[in-house]
Amino acid sequence: MAARIEHLVTSGVFSLDGGNWDVENNVWIVGDDTEAIVIDAAHDADAIADALGGRTLRAIVCTHAHNDHIDAAPALAGRTGAPILLHPGDLPLWKQTHAERLPDGELADGQVLTVAGTRLTVLHTPGHAPGAVCLYAPDLDEHGTVFTGDTLFQGGPGATGRSFSDFPTIIDSIRDRLLALPPETRVRTGHGEPTTIGAEAPHLEEWIARGH
């Protein structure tokens, strides 16, 4: 059976630099009827486990380590036995939320994860966070899809006004890694609605001019 994409929205609190914000996060499940991976275990391990049903969870993949994307990861790992994977550049952020429980494995640029016969390539896209990654799956959807976490949204790049972030770096990541993908590629984000590479690419210079 071919892999498919399932989508949950979970709610919680994003905390950084002494501030707290109520947020809704996208949780993505990629797999078939027997196995799956979870991209960003946000807020509600019970809801994610329910959505998985009896499937084998192969990995919990973190697009970055802001608390709202990883707060449910250890609980989900404990329930399923799945490893938590994170780019090592985000370990300092991870430790702010889970000081006593490190990830189980590292993500690296160019690494390929396979689930249900589908390949997802890790793209290191720093800027929103030092270890931020996207996952590109050219065989998902009719024209491929990329899971961008908080690197690229409908309407522009992820926020860079807080600790561990940098605006010129995220612009370089988007220009060099994401806008190089086919324009029909579906962009599935960490928050909000999906978009496509082609819809966002024409606005790069506008984002640079705005400087955020």
C-alpha atoms as a PDB file:
ATOM      1  CA  MET A   1       0.000   0.000   0.000  1.00  0.00           C
ATOM      2  CA  ALA A   2       1.341   3.434  -0.921  1.00  0.00           C
ATOM      3  CA  ALA A   3       2.252   5.902   1.779  1.00  0.00           C
ATOM      4  CA  ARG A   4      -0.229   8.650   2.587  1.00  0.00           C
ATOM      5  CA  ILE A   5      -0.183  11.857   4.603  1.00  0.00           C
ATOM      6  CA  GLU A   6      -2.365  12.353   7.658  1.00  0.00           C
ATOM      7  CA  HIS A   7      -2.766  15.632   9.510  1.00  0.00           C
ATOM      8  CA  LEU A   8      -3.564  16.525  13.111  1.00  0.00           C
ATOM      9  CA  VAL A   9      -3.831  19.959  14.692  1.00  0.00           C
ATOM     10  CA  THR A  10      -2.886  20.129  18.369  1.00  0.00           C
ATOM     11  CA  SER A  11      -2.981  23.080  20.741  1.00  0.00           C
ATOM     12  CA  GLY A  12      -0.608  24.219  23.440  1.00  0.00           C
ATOM     13  CA  VAL A  13       1.839  26.922  24.488  1.00  0.00           C
ATOM     14  CA  PHE A  14       5.032  28.076  22.789  1.00  0.00           C
ATOM     15  CA  SER A  15       7.582  29.371  25.308  1.00  0.00           C
ATOM     16  CA  LEU A  16      10.884  31.118  24.576  1.00  0.00           C
ATOM     17  CA  ASP A  17      12.896  34.024  25.962  1.00  0.00           C
ATOM     18  CA  GLY A  18      10.489  34.432  28.873  1.00  0.00           C
ATOM     19  CA  GLY A  19       7.367  34.747  26.723  1.00  0.00           C
ATOM     20  CA  ASN A  20       4.413  32.405  26.281  1.00  0.00           C
ATOM     21  CA  TRP A  21       2.034  32.228  23.319  1.00  0.00           C
ATOM     22  CA  ASP A  22      -0.990  30.015  22.687  1.00  0.00           C
ATOM     23  CA  VAL A  23      -0.430  28.146  19.423  1.00  0.00           C
ATOM     24  CA  GLU A  24      -1.912  25.487  17.195  1.00  0.00           C
ATOM     25  CA  ASN A  25       0.577  23.092  15.601  1.00  0.00           C
ATOM     26  CA  ASN A  26       0.390  20.826  12.599  1.00  0.00           C
ATOM     27  CA  VAL A  27       1.390  17.231  13.268  1.00  0.00           C
ATOM     28  CA  TRP A  28       2.086  15.174  10.149  1.00  0.00           C
ATOM     29  CA  ILE A  29       1.917  11.380   9.926  1.00  0.00           C
ATOM     30  CA  VAL A  30       3.425   9.696   6.860  1.00  0.00           C
ATOM     31  CA  GLY A  31       2.926   5.977   6.329  1.00  0.00           C
ATOM     32  CA  ASP A  32       0.543   3.203   5.348  1.00  0.00           C
ATOM     33  CA  ASP A  33      -1.662   0.798   7.310  1.00  0.00           C
ATOM     34  CA  THR A  34       1.297  -0.933   8.986  1.00  0.00           C
ATOM     35  CA  GLU A  35       3.999   1.656   9.665  1.00  0.00           C
ATOM     36  CA  ALA A  36       4.457   5.414   9.910  1.00  0.00           C
ATOM     37  CA  ILE A  37       6.658   8.279  11.003  1.00  0.00           C
ATOM     38  CA  VAL A  38       5.486  11.350  12.920  1.00  0.00           C
ATOM     39  CA  ILE A  39       6.800  14.777  11.975  1.00  0.00           C
ATOM     40  CA  ASP A  40       6.714  17.090  15.022  1.00  0.00           C
ATOM     41  CA  ALA A  41       5.086  15.490  18.066  1.00  0.00           C
ATOM     42  CA  ALA A  42       3.344  18.594  19.363  1.00  0.00           C
ATOM     43  CA  HIS A  43       1.416  18.942  22.625  1.00  0.00           C
ATOM     44  CA  ASP A  44      -0.752  15.809  22.727  1.00  0.00           C
ATOM     45  CA  ALA A  45       0.863  12.361  22.736  1.00  0.00           C
ATOM     46  CA  ASP A  46      -2.504  10.681  23.312  1.00  0.00           C
ATOM     47  CA  ALA A  47      -4.089  12.235  20.214  1.00  0.00           C
ATOM     48  CA  ILE A  48      -1.086  11.311  18.079  1.00  0.00           C
ATOM     49  CA  ALA A  49      -1.036   7.749  19.399  1.00  0.00           C
ATOM     50  CA  ASP A  50      -4.766   7.423  18.717  1.00  0.00           C
ATOM     51  CA  ALA A  51      -4.224   8.568  15.138  1.00  0.00           C
ATOM     52  CA  LEU A  52      -1.479   5.987  14.699  1.00  0.00           C
ATOM     53  CA  GLY A  53      -3.734   3.178  15.891  1.00  0.00           C
ATOM     54  CA  GLY A  54      -1.868  -0.115  15.878  1.00  0.00           C
ATOM     55  CA  ARG A  55       0.747   0.914  13.334  1.00  0.00           C
ATOM     56  CA  THR A  56       4.454   0.617  14.045  1.00  0.00           C
ATOM     57  CA  LEU A  57       5.964   4.041  14.580  1.00  0.00           C
ATOM     58  CA  ARG A  58       9.382   4.040  12.918  1.00  0.00           C
ATOM     59  CA  ALA A  59      10.540   7.477  14.066  1.00  0.00           C
ATOM     60  CA  ILE A  60       9.527  10.761  15.641  1.00  0.00           C
ATOM     61  CA  VAL A  61      11.158  13.390  13.457  1.00  0.00           C
ATOM     62  CA  CYS A  62      11.655  16.898  14.843  1.00  0.00           C
ATOM     63  CA  THR A  63      11.860  19.725  12.322  1.00  0.00           C
ATOM     64  CA  HIS A  64      13.401  21.817  15.102  1.00  0.00           C
ATOM     65  CA  ALA A  65      13.439  21.940  18.888  1.00  0.00           C
ATOM     66  CA  HIS A  66      11.170  24.780  19.896  1.00  0.00           C
ATOM     67  CA  ASN A  67       9.108  23.407  22.753  1.00  0.00           C
ATOM     68  CA  ASP A  68       5.783  23.469  20.883  1.00  0.00           C
ATOM     69  CA  HIS A  69       7.159  21.031  18.292  1.00  0.00           C
ATOM     70  CA  ILE A  70       8.774  18.564  20.719  1.00  0.00           C
ATOM     71  CA  ASP A  71       6.872  18.729  24.014  1.00  0.00           C
ATOM     72  CA  ALA A  72       4.998  15.453  23.388  1.00  0.00           C
ATOM     73  CA  ALA A  73       7.927  13.601  21.812  1.00  0.00           C
ATOM     74  CA  PRO A  74       9.265  11.780  24.894  1.00  0.00           C
ATOM     75  CA  ALA A  75       5.785  10.612  25.934  1.00  0.00           C
ATOM     76  CA  LEU A  76       5.063   9.363  22.414  1.00  0.00           C
ATOM     77  CA  ALA A  77       8.422   7.620  22.288  1.00  0.00           C
ATOM     78  CA  GLY A  78       7.712   5.968  25.626  1.00  0.00           C
ATOM     79  CA  ARG A  79       4.390   4.637  24.389  1.00  0.00           C
ATOM     80  CA  THR A  80       5.637   3.386  21.029  1.00  0.00           C
ATOM     81  CA  GLY A  81       9.343   2.643  21.409  1.00  0.00           C
ATOM     82  CA  ALA A  82      10.082   4.886  18.417  1.00  0.00           C
ATOM     83  CA  PRO A  83      13.345   6.853  18.330  1.00  0.00           C
ATOM     84  CA  ILE A  84      13.323  10.642  18.457  1.00  0.00           C
ATOM     85  CA  LEU A  85      15.452  12.181  15.702  1.00  0.00           C
ATOM     86  CA  LEU A  86      16.792  15.755  15.833  1.00  0.00           C
ATOM     87  CA  HIS A  87      19.519  17.719  14.083  1.00  0.00           C
ATOM     88  CA  PRO A  88      22.364  18.224  16.606  1.00  0.00           C
ATOM     89  CA  GLY A  89      22.365  21.966  15.975  1.00  0.00           C
ATOM     90  CA  ASP A  90      19.175  22.184  18.023  1.00  0.00           C
ATOM     91  CA  LEU A  91      20.356  20.318  21.108  1.00  0.00           C
ATOM     92  CA  PRO A  92      20.666  23.539  23.169  1.00  0.00           C
ATOM     93  CA  LEU A  93      17.008  24.324  22.421  1.00  0.00           C
ATOM     94  CA  TRP A  94      15.961  20.732  23.097  1.00  0.00           C
ATOM     95  CA  LYS A  95      17.582  20.823  26.542  1.00  0.00           C
ATOM     96  CA  GLN A  96      15.496  23.862  27.501  1.00  0.00           C
ATOM     97  CA  THR A  97      12.412  21.614  27.317  1.00  0.00           C
ATOM     98  CA  HIS A  98      13.753  18.121  28.020  1.00  0.00           C
ATOM     99  CA  ALA A  99      16.922  18.475  30.068  1.00  0.00           C
ATOM    100  CA  GLU A 100      16.842  14.884  31.306  1.00  0.00           C
ATOM    101  CA  ARG A 101      15.913  13.096  28.065  1.00  0.00           C
ATOM    102  CA  LEU A 102      18.077  13.486  24.963  1.00  0.00           C
ATOM    103  CA  PRO A 103      17.007  12.527  21.438  1.00  0.00           C
ATOM    104  CA  ASP A 104      17.833   9.006  20.303  1.00  0.00           C
ATOM    105  CA  GLY A 105      19.445   9.850  16.985  1.00  0.00           C
ATOM    106  CA  GLU A 106      20.656  12.668  14.784  1.00  0.00           C
ATOM    107  CA  LEU A 107      19.353  14.084  11.535  1.00  0.00           C
ATOM    108  CA  ALA A 108      21.880  15.171   8.914  1.00  0.00           C
ATOM    109  CA  ASP A 109      21.602  17.060   5.657  1.00  0.00           C
ATOM    110  CA  GLY A 110      21.033  14.630   2.808  1.00  0.00           C
ATOM    111  CA  GLN A 111      19.976  11.790   5.078  1.00  0.00           C
ATOM    112  CA  VAL A 112      17.136   9.695   3.663  1.00  0.00           C
ATOM    113  CA  LEU A 113      14.357   8.310   5.851  1.00  0.00           C
ATOM    114  CA  THR A 114      12.194   5.572   4.379  1.00  0.00           C
ATOM    115  CA  VAL A 115       8.708   4.600   5.498  1.00  0.00           C
ATOM    116  CA  ALA A 116       6.115   2.545   3.635  1.00  0.00           C
ATOM    117  CA  GLY A 117       8.370   2.555   0.604  1.00  0.00           C
ATOM    118  CA  THR A 118       8.543   6.354   0.506  1.00  0.00           C
ATOM    119  CA  ARG A 119      11.811   8.272   0.755  1.00  0.00           C
ATOM    120  CA  LEU A 120      12.039  11.555   2.646  1.00  0.00           C
ATOM    121  CA  THR A 121      15.265  13.516   2.257  1.00  0.00           C
ATOM    122  CA  VAL A 122      16.458  15.707   5.132  1.00  0.00           C
ATOM    123  CA  LEU A 123      17.275  19.285   4.114  1.00  0.00           C
ATOM    124  CA  HIS A 124      19.160  21.283   6.752  1.00  0.00           C
ATOM    125  CA  THR A 125      17.519  24.723   6.674  1.00  0.00           C
ATOM    126  CA  PRO A 126      18.863  26.818   9.575  1.00  0.00           C
ATOM    127  CA  GLY A 127      17.578  30.271  10.381  1.00  0.00           C
ATOM    128  CA  HIS A 128      14.428  29.845  12.458  1.00  0.00           C
ATOM    129  CA  ALA A 129      16.594  27.592  14.602  1.00  0.00           C
ATOM    130  CA  PRO A 130      20.191  26.375  14.092  1.00  0.00           C
ATOM    131  CA  GLY A 131      19.180  22.758  13.562  1.00  0.00           C
ATOM    132  CA  ALA A 132      15.973  23.332  11.630  1.00  0.00           C
ATOM    133  CA  VAL A 133      15.308  20.793   8.889  1.00  0.00           C
ATOM    134  CA  CYS A 134      12.744  20.180   6.177  1.00  0.00           C
ATOM    135  CA  LEU A 135      11.761  16.796   4.751  1.00  0.00           C
ATOM    136  CA  TYR A 136      11.332  16.486   0.987  1.00  0.00           C
ATOM    137  CA  ALA A 137       9.301  13.605  -0.423  1.00  0.00           C
ATOM    138  CA  PRO A 138       9.079  13.846  -4.239  1.00  0.00           C
ATOM    139  CA  ASP A 139       6.779  10.810  -4.450  1.00  0.00           C
ATOM    140  CA  LEU A 140       4.127  12.053  -2.014  1.00  0.00           C
ATOM    141  CA  ASP A 141       1.187  13.926  -3.499  1.00  0.00           C
ATOM    142  CA  GLU A 142       0.880  14.272  -7.242  1.00  0.00           C
ATOM    143  CA  HIS A 143       3.826  16.664  -7.481  1.00  0.00           C
ATOM    144  CA  GLY A 144       5.775  15.940  -4.305  1.00  0.00           C
ATOM    145  CA  THR A 145       5.649  17.552  -0.892  1.00  0.00           C
ATOM    146  CA  VAL A 146       8.041  19.180   1.545  1.00  0.00           C
ATOM    147  CA  PHE A 147       7.427  19.381   5.285  1.00  0.00           C
ATOM    148  CA  THR A 148       8.918  22.724   6.274  1.00  0.00           C
ATOM    149  CA  GLY A 149       8.318  23.016  10.015  1.00  0.00           C
ATOM    150  CA  ASP A 150       8.676  26.718  10.807  1.00  0.00           C
ATOM    151  CA  THR A 151      11.135  27.526   8.001  1.00  0.00           C
ATOM    152  CA  LEU A 152       8.604  28.465   5.309  1.00  0.00           C
ATOM    153  CA  PHE A 153       4.928  29.304   5.656  1.00  0.00           C
ATOM    154  CA  GLN A 154       2.165  30.481   3.395  1.00  0.00           C
ATOM    155  CA  GLY A 155       3.202  34.115   3.093  1.00  0.00           C
ATOM    156  CA  GLY A 156       6.831  34.015   4.101  1.00  0.00           C
ATOM    157  CA  PRO A 157       9.656  32.722   6.261  1.00  0.00           C
ATOM    158  CA  GLY A 158       9.398  31.659   9.872  1.00  0.00           C
ATOM    159  CA  ALA A 159      10.046  34.148  12.658  1.00  0.00           C
ATOM    160  CA  THR A 160      13.627  35.135  13.432  1.00  0.00           C
ATOM    161  CA  GLY A 161      13.217  37.712  16.184  1.00  0.00           C
ATOM    162  CA  ARG A 162      14.077  35.446  19.104  1.00  0.00           C
ATOM    163  CA  SER A 163      17.076  33.571  20.481  1.00  0.00           C
ATOM    164  CA  PHE A 164      18.865  31.074  18.234  1.00  0.00           C
ATOM    165  CA  SER A 165      17.378  32.591  15.039  1.00  0.00           C
ATOM    166  CA  ASP A 166      18.806  34.686  12.209  1.00  0.00           C
ATOM    167  CA  PHE A 167      16.998  36.352   9.299  1.00  0.00           C
ATOM    168  CA  PRO A 168      19.761  36.299   6.635  1.00  0.00           C
ATOM    169  CA  THR A 169      20.329  32.615   7.399  1.00  0.00           C
ATOM    170  CA  ILE A 170      16.689  31.636   6.945  1.00  0.00           C
ATOM    171  CA  ILE A 171      16.540  33.585   3.680  1.00  0.00           C
ATOM    172  CA  ASP A 172      19.598  31.685   2.421  1.00  0.00           C
ATOM    173  CA  SER A 173      18.014  28.389   3.464  1.00  0.00           C
ATOM    174  CA  ILE A 174      14.751  29.154   1.689  1.00  0.00           C
ATOM    175  CA  ARG A 175      16.437  30.459  -1.456  1.00  0.00           C
ATOM    176  CA  ASP A 176      19.044  27.718  -1.777  1.00  0.00           C
ATOM    177  CA  ARG A 177      17.224  24.645  -0.452  1.00  0.00           C
ATOM    178  CA  LEU A 178      13.466  25.152  -0.805  1.00  0.00           C
ATOM    179  CA  LEU A 179      12.924  27.430  -3.791  1.00  0.00           C
ATOM    180  CA  ALA A 180      15.180  25.087  -5.765  1.00  0.00           C
ATOM    181  CA  LEU A 181      12.470  22.423  -5.526  1.00  0.00           C
ATOM    182  CA  PRO A 182       9.909  22.048  -8.332  1.00  0.00           C
ATOM    183  CA  PRO A 183       7.335  24.862  -8.177  1.00  0.00           C
ATOM    184  CA  GLU A 184       4.440  22.397  -7.938  1.00  0.00           C
ATOM    185  CA  THR A 185       5.830  20.949  -4.696  1.00  0.00           C
ATOM    186  CA  ARG A 186       3.275  21.103  -1.877  1.00  0.00           C
ATOM    187  CA  VAL A 187       4.538  22.889   1.255  1.00  0.00           C
ATOM    188  CA  ARG A 188       3.179  21.440   4.490  1.00  0.00           C
ATOM    189  CA  THR A 189       3.997  23.754   7.354  1.00  0.00           C
ATOM    190  CA  GLY A 190       4.369  23.603  11.111  1.00  0.00           C
ATOM    191  CA  HIS A 191       1.437  25.967  11.631  1.00  0.00           C
ATOM    192  CA  GLY A 192      -1.363  27.155   9.390  1.00  0.00           C
ATOM    193  CA  GLU A 193      -2.373  26.275   5.864  1.00  0.00           C
ATOM    194  CA  PRO A 194      -0.309  24.562   3.169  1.00  0.00           C
ATOM    195  CA  THR A 195       1.047  26.327   0.096  1.00  0.00           C
ATOM    196  CA  THR A 196       3.329  25.505  -2.834  1.00  0.00           C
ATOM    197  CA  ILE A 197       6.883  26.423  -3.711  1.00  0.00           C
ATOM    198  CA  GLY A 198       5.630  28.180  -6.823  1.00  0.00           C
ATOM    199  CA  ALA A 199       3.213  30.339  -4.835  1.00  0.00           C
ATOM    200  CA  GLU A 200       5.916  31.532  -2.452  1.00  0.00           C
ATOM    201  CA  ALA A 201       8.946  31.902  -4.734  1.00  0.00           C
ATOM    202  CA  PRO A 202       7.903  35.206  -6.385  1.00  0.00           C
ATOM    203  CA  HIS A 203       7.827  36.938  -3.003  1.00  0.00           C
ATOM    204  CA  LEU A 204      11.436  36.324  -1.919  1.00  0.00           C
ATOM    205  CA  GLU A 205      12.614  39.875  -2.624  1.00  0.00           C
ATOM    206  CA  GLU A 206       9.598  41.281  -0.773  1.00  0.00           C
ATOM    207  CA  TRP A 207      10.540  39.256   2.316  1.00  0.00           C
ATOM    208  CA  ILE A 208      14.113  40.469   2.116  1.00  0.00           C
ATOM    209  CA  ALA A 209      12.945  44.076   1.820  1.00  0.00           C
ATOM    210  CA  ARG A 210      10.680  43.651   4.850  1.00  0.00           C
ATOM    211  CA  GLY A 211      13.565  42.131   6.770  1.00  0.00           C
ATOM    212  CA  HIS A 212      11.630  39.718   8.976  1.00  0.00           C
END
